[in-house]
Amino acid sequence: MKGTSTSWTVLGLGAGVTLLGRMIGGNLGAGVTGFGLAHVALGVLDQFRPSVQK
C-alpha cells in the first residue's frame, strides 16, 4: 500500500472529523461521524488505486 499525500490527507482529515463527531454527540454528531468515516474509507481506497504515470 503506497499512498500519495492526497490519500493520507483525506484519511487524516476523515479521522479528525470522525473524532469531532464523536465529541459532539446526538443526531448531529452521528451525521458528522458518518461523514468522517466516509472520508476515511475513501482515503484508504484511494491508497489501493493504481496510479498512472506517463
N, C-alpha and C. Protein backbone atom coordinates (compact mmCIF):
# COMPACT_ATOMS: atom_id res chain seq x y z
N MET A 1 0.85 -1.18 0.00
CA MET A 1 0.00 0.00 0.00
C MET A 1 0.89 1.23 0.00
N LYS A 2 0.90 1.95 -1.11
CA LYS A 2 1.70 3.15 -1.22
C LYS A 2 0.74 4.31 -1.49
N GLY A 3 0.47 5.11 -0.49
CA GLY A 3 -0.47 6.22 -0.65
C GLY A 3 0.22 7.50 -1.00
N THR A 4 -0.47 8.31 -1.74
CA THR A 4 0.04 9.63 -2.05
C THR A 4 -0.28 10.57 -0.89
N SER A 5 0.25 11.77 -0.98
CA SER A 5 -0.02 12.73 0.10
C SER A 5 -1.50 13.10 0.14
N THR A 6 -2.16 13.07 -1.00
CA THR A 6 -3.59 13.36 -1.03
C THR A 6 -4.38 12.29 -0.29
N SER A 7 -4.02 11.04 -0.49
CA SER A 7 -4.70 9.94 0.20
C SER A 7 -4.54 10.07 1.70
N TRP A 8 -3.33 10.35 2.14
CA TRP A 8 -3.07 10.48 3.57
C TRP A 8 -3.78 11.70 4.16
N THR A 9 -3.89 12.78 3.38
CA THR A 9 -4.58 13.97 3.85
C THR A 9 -6.06 13.70 4.03
N VAL A 10 -6.68 13.05 3.06
CA VAL A 10 -8.10 12.71 3.15
C VAL A 10 -8.35 11.78 4.33
N LEU A 11 -7.48 10.81 4.52
CA LEU A 11 -7.62 9.87 5.62
C LEU A 11 -7.47 10.59 6.96
N GLY A 12 -6.48 11.45 7.08
CA GLY A 12 -6.26 12.18 8.33
C GLY A 12 -7.39 13.14 8.66
N LEU A 13 -7.87 13.86 7.66
CA LEU A 13 -9.00 14.77 7.89
C LEU A 13 -10.25 13.99 8.27
N GLY A 14 -10.44 12.84 7.63
CA GLY A 14 -11.58 12.00 7.98
C GLY A 14 -11.52 11.52 9.41
N ALA A 15 -10.32 11.16 9.86
CA ALA A 15 -10.17 10.73 11.25
C ALA A 15 -10.47 11.88 12.21
N GLY A 16 -10.01 13.08 11.86
CA GLY A 16 -10.29 14.24 12.70
C GLY A 16 -11.77 14.57 12.76
N VAL A 17 -12.43 14.52 11.63
CA VAL A 17 -13.87 14.81 11.59
C VAL A 17 -14.65 13.74 12.35
N THR A 18 -14.19 12.48 12.25
CA THR A 18 -14.84 11.41 13.00
C THR A 18 -14.74 11.64 14.50
N LEU A 19 -13.56 12.01 14.97
CA LEU A 19 -13.39 12.30 16.39
C LEU A 19 -14.23 13.50 16.83
N LEU A 20 -14.30 14.51 15.99
CA LEU A 20 -15.13 15.68 16.29
C LEU A 20 -16.60 15.29 16.41
N GLY A 21 -17.06 14.45 15.51
CA GLY A 21 -18.45 13.98 15.55
C GLY A 21 -18.75 13.18 16.79
N ARG A 22 -17.77 12.38 17.23
CA ARG A 22 -17.97 11.59 18.45
C ARG A 22 -18.05 12.50 19.68
N MET A 23 -17.32 13.60 19.65
CA MET A 23 -17.35 14.53 20.79
C MET A 23 -18.65 15.34 20.82
N ILE A 24 -19.22 15.63 19.66
CA ILE A 24 -20.46 16.41 19.60
C ILE A 24 -21.62 15.62 20.17
N GLY A 25 -21.77 14.38 19.73
CA GLY A 25 -22.86 13.53 20.21
C GLY A 25 -24.20 13.90 19.59
N GLY A 26 -25.21 13.13 19.89
CA GLY A 26 -26.56 13.38 19.37
C GLY A 26 -26.68 13.07 17.90
N ASN A 27 -27.77 13.56 17.30
CA ASN A 27 -28.02 13.30 15.87
C ASN A 27 -27.02 14.03 14.98
N LEU A 28 -26.67 15.24 15.35
CA LEU A 28 -25.69 15.99 14.56
C LEU A 28 -24.33 15.29 14.60
N GLY A 29 -23.96 14.84 15.78
CA GLY A 29 -22.68 14.13 15.92
C GLY A 29 -22.65 12.84 15.13
N ALA A 30 -23.79 12.16 15.06
CA ALA A 30 -23.85 10.92 14.28
C ALA A 30 -23.65 11.21 12.80
N GLY A 31 -24.22 12.29 12.32
CA GLY A 31 -24.03 12.67 10.92
C GLY A 31 -22.60 13.07 10.61
N VAL A 32 -21.99 13.84 11.51
CA VAL A 32 -20.61 14.26 11.33
C VAL A 32 -19.68 13.05 11.40
N THR A 33 -19.96 12.11 12.31
CA THR A 33 -19.16 10.89 12.41
C THR A 33 -19.25 10.08 11.12
N GLY A 34 -20.43 9.92 10.58
CA GLY A 34 -20.59 9.19 9.32
C GLY A 34 -19.87 9.86 8.17
N PHE A 35 -19.90 11.19 8.14
CA PHE A 35 -19.19 11.95 7.11
C PHE A 35 -17.68 11.71 7.22
N GLY A 36 -17.18 11.71 8.45
CA GLY A 36 -15.76 11.46 8.66
C GLY A 36 -15.36 10.04 8.30
N LEU A 37 -16.19 9.07 8.68
CA LEU A 37 -15.88 7.67 8.35
C LEU A 37 -15.90 7.44 6.84
N ALA A 38 -16.77 8.15 6.14
CA ALA A 38 -16.79 8.04 4.67
C ALA A 38 -15.47 8.54 4.09
N HIS A 39 -14.93 9.62 4.65
CA HIS A 39 -13.66 10.13 4.16
C HIS A 39 -12.50 9.19 4.50
N VAL A 40 -12.57 8.54 5.65
CA VAL A 40 -11.55 7.55 5.99
C VAL A 40 -11.59 6.41 4.98
N ALA A 41 -12.78 5.93 4.67
CA ALA A 41 -12.92 4.83 3.70
C ALA A 41 -12.41 5.27 2.33
N LEU A 42 -12.73 6.48 1.90
CA LEU A 42 -12.26 6.95 0.59
C LEU A 42 -10.74 7.12 0.56
N GLY A 43 -10.16 7.57 1.67
CA GLY A 43 -8.71 7.71 1.73
C GLY A 43 -8.01 6.37 1.64
N VAL A 44 -8.55 5.36 2.31
CA VAL A 44 -7.96 4.03 2.26
C VAL A 44 -8.11 3.43 0.86
N LEU A 45 -9.29 3.58 0.28
CA LEU A 45 -9.50 3.04 -1.08
C LEU A 45 -8.61 3.74 -2.10
N ASP A 46 -8.36 5.03 -1.91
CA ASP A 46 -7.51 5.77 -2.84
C ASP A 46 -6.06 5.28 -2.77
N GLN A 47 -5.65 4.79 -1.62
CA GLN A 47 -4.29 4.27 -1.50
C GLN A 47 -4.10 2.98 -2.28
N PHE A 48 -5.15 2.21 -2.47
CA PHE A 48 -5.06 0.95 -3.20
C PHE A 48 -5.25 1.13 -4.71
N ARG A 49 -5.67 2.30 -5.12
CA ARG A 49 -5.90 2.55 -6.54
C ARG A 49 -4.56 2.66 -7.27
N PRO A 50 -4.41 1.99 -8.40
CA PRO A 50 -3.14 2.09 -9.11
C PRO A 50 -2.97 3.48 -9.75
N SER A 51 -1.76 3.98 -9.68
CA SER A 51 -1.51 5.29 -10.28
C SER A 51 -0.94 5.12 -11.69
N VAL A 52 -1.27 6.06 -12.53
CA VAL A 52 -0.80 6.03 -13.91
C VAL A 52 0.19 7.17 -14.07
N GLN A 53 1.41 6.83 -14.38
CA GLN A 53 2.44 7.85 -14.56
C GLN A 53 2.94 7.79 -16.00
N LYS A 54 2.92 8.93 -16.69
CA LYS A 54 3.35 8.98 -18.08
C LYS A 54 4.64 9.77 -18.21
